[in-house]
Amino acid sequence: MSKLEKLLERIKNNPKDVKFNDLHKILTSMDFKARQPKGGSSHYTYIKKDLRITIPKRNPVKLIYVKKVLELLEENKG
């Protein structure tokens, strides 16, 4: 099992305590392009083809954003 697979399992097992950098690693490894905020915003947007998700950079990441990322990854396996 790779480090990213272990990280993803840890996030699935404890979605309430996820660091922003961990979600960033997972999304960028899945070929999502990160667009950093401009003008003082803290919201990062991740884009892959027609998929898009925006996540505020804070620790821990709110549970709703973690659930959205997990759903997005489940829908697009393979």
C-alpha atoms as a PDB file:
ATOM      1  CA  MET A   1       0.000   0.000   0.000  1.00  0.00           C
ATOM      2  CA  SER A   2       1.468   3.350  -1.028  1.00  0.00           C
ATOM      3  CA  LYS A   3       1.746   6.405   1.203  1.00  0.00           C
ATOM      4  CA  LEU A   4      -1.116   8.089  -0.660  1.00  0.00           C
ATOM      5  CA  GLU A   5      -3.364   5.050  -0.233  1.00  0.00           C
ATOM      6  CA  LYS A   6      -2.588   5.010   3.495  1.00  0.00           C
ATOM      7  CA  LEU A   7      -3.315   8.732   3.713  1.00  0.00           C
ATOM      8  CA  LEU A   8      -6.639   8.283   1.924  1.00  0.00           C
ATOM      9  CA  GLU A   9      -7.603   5.429   4.266  1.00  0.00           C
ATOM     10  CA  ARG A  10      -6.705   7.559   7.283  1.00  0.00           C
ATOM     11  CA  ILE A  11      -8.909  10.364   5.948  1.00  0.00           C
ATOM     12  CA  LYS A  12     -11.796   7.952   5.353  1.00  0.00           C
ATOM     13  CA  ASN A  13     -11.458   6.559   8.882  1.00  0.00           C
ATOM     14  CA  ASN A  14     -11.292   9.970  10.570  1.00  0.00           C
ATOM     15  CA  PRO A  15     -12.818  12.671   8.329  1.00  0.00           C
ATOM     16  CA  LYS A  16     -13.208  15.142  11.208  1.00  0.00           C
ATOM     17  CA  ASP A  17      -9.479  15.719  11.666  1.00  0.00           C
ATOM     18  CA  VAL A  18      -8.023  16.311   8.198  1.00  0.00           C
ATOM     19  CA  LYS A  19      -5.304  18.832   7.398  1.00  0.00           C
ATOM     20  CA  PHE A  20      -5.579  20.976   4.291  1.00  0.00           C
ATOM     21  CA  ASN A  21      -2.174  19.801   3.040  1.00  0.00           C
ATOM     22  CA  ASP A  22      -3.326  16.171   3.201  1.00  0.00           C
ATOM     23  CA  LEU A  23      -6.344  16.902   0.983  1.00  0.00           C
ATOM     24  CA  HIS A  24      -4.084  18.920  -1.325  1.00  0.00           C
ATOM     25  CA  LYS A  25      -1.727  15.923  -1.705  1.00  0.00           C
ATOM     26  CA  ILE A  26      -4.595  13.556  -2.477  1.00  0.00           C
ATOM     27  CA  LEU A  27      -6.243  15.840  -5.034  1.00  0.00           C
ATOM     28  CA  THR A  28      -3.045  16.789  -6.856  1.00  0.00           C
ATOM     29  CA  SER A  29      -1.997  13.132  -7.020  1.00  0.00           C
ATOM     30  CA  MET A  30      -5.329  12.405  -8.745  1.00  0.00           C
ATOM     31  CA  ASP A  31      -4.432  14.916 -11.506  1.00  0.00           C
ATOM     32  CA  PHE A  32      -6.501  17.809 -10.156  1.00  0.00           C
ATOM     33  CA  LYS A  33      -4.943  21.186 -10.923  1.00  0.00           C
ATOM     34  CA  ALA A  34      -4.828  23.565  -7.969  1.00  0.00           C
ATOM     35  CA  ARG A  35      -5.683  27.192  -8.520  1.00  0.00           C
ATOM     36  CA  GLN A  36      -4.459  29.361  -5.680  1.00  0.00           C
ATOM     37  CA  PRO A  37      -6.547  32.243  -4.395  1.00  0.00           C
ATOM     38  CA  LYS A  38      -6.023  35.808  -5.499  1.00  0.00           C
ATOM     39  CA  GLY A  39      -6.886  39.009  -3.713  1.00  0.00           C
ATOM     40  CA  GLY A  40      -6.675  37.768  -0.143  1.00  0.00           C
ATOM     41  CA  SER A  41      -9.030  34.808  -0.467  1.00  0.00           C
ATOM     42  CA  SER A  42      -8.239  31.565   1.312  1.00  0.00           C
ATOM     43  CA  HIS A  43     -10.251  29.319  -1.023  1.00  0.00           C
ATOM     44  CA  TYR A  44      -8.330  26.962  -3.307  1.00  0.00           C
ATOM     45  CA  THR A  45     -10.073  25.577  -6.393  1.00  0.00           C
ATOM     46  CA  TYR A  46      -9.200  22.138  -7.755  1.00  0.00           C
ATOM     47  CA  ILE A  47     -10.100  21.379 -11.369  1.00  0.00           C
ATOM     48  CA  LYS A  48      -9.977  18.178 -13.422  1.00  0.00           C
ATOM     49  CA  LYS A  49     -11.771  18.139 -16.765  1.00  0.00           C
ATOM     50  CA  ASP A  50     -15.376  19.042 -15.900  1.00  0.00           C
ATOM     51  CA  LEU A  51     -14.950  18.471 -12.141  1.00  0.00           C
ATOM     52  CA  ARG A  52     -14.425  21.357  -9.756  1.00  0.00           C
ATOM     53  CA  ILE A  53     -14.231  21.674  -5.993  1.00  0.00           C
ATOM     54  CA  THR A  54     -13.350  24.690  -3.854  1.00  0.00           C
ATOM     55  CA  ILE A  55     -11.872  24.248  -0.387  1.00  0.00           C
ATOM     56  CA  PRO A  56     -10.909  26.947   2.130  1.00  0.00           C
ATOM     57  CA  LYS A  57      -7.367  26.622   3.448  1.00  0.00           C
ATOM     58  CA  ARG A  58      -7.771  26.030   7.153  1.00  0.00           C
ATOM     59  CA  ASN A  59      -6.824  23.328   9.637  1.00  0.00           C
ATOM     60  CA  PRO A  60      -8.660  21.154  10.263  1.00  0.00           C
ATOM     61  CA  VAL A  61     -10.729  21.201   7.078  1.00  0.00           C
ATOM     62  CA  LYS A  62     -14.453  21.282   7.820  1.00  0.00           C
ATOM     63  CA  LEU A  63     -16.155  17.915   7.603  1.00  0.00           C
ATOM     64  CA  ILE A  64     -18.471  18.962   4.740  1.00  0.00           C
ATOM     65  CA  TYR A  65     -15.491  19.653   2.443  1.00  0.00           C
ATOM     66  CA  VAL A  66     -13.817  16.355   3.347  1.00  0.00           C
ATOM     67  CA  LYS A  67     -17.038  14.472   2.558  1.00  0.00           C
ATOM     68  CA  LYS A  68     -17.339  16.273  -0.796  1.00  0.00           C
ATOM     69  CA  VAL A  69     -13.772  15.311  -1.718  1.00  0.00           C
ATOM     70  CA  LEU A  70     -14.338  11.679  -0.732  1.00  0.00           C
ATOM     71  CA  GLU A  71     -17.568  11.552  -2.782  1.00  0.00           C
ATOM     72  CA  LEU A  72     -15.804  13.119  -5.750  1.00  0.00           C
ATOM     73  CA  LEU A  73     -12.978  10.586  -5.573  1.00  0.00           C
ATOM     74  CA  GLU A  74     -15.397   7.643  -5.220  1.00  0.00           C
ATOM     75  CA  GLU A  75     -17.418   8.784  -8.263  1.00  0.00           C
ATOM     76  CA  ASN A  76     -14.293   9.087 -10.393  1.00  0.00           C
ATOM     77  CA  LYS A  77     -12.413   5.920  -9.529  1.00  0.00           C
ATOM     78  CA  GLY A  78     -10.810   4.348 -12.522  1.00  0.00           C
END
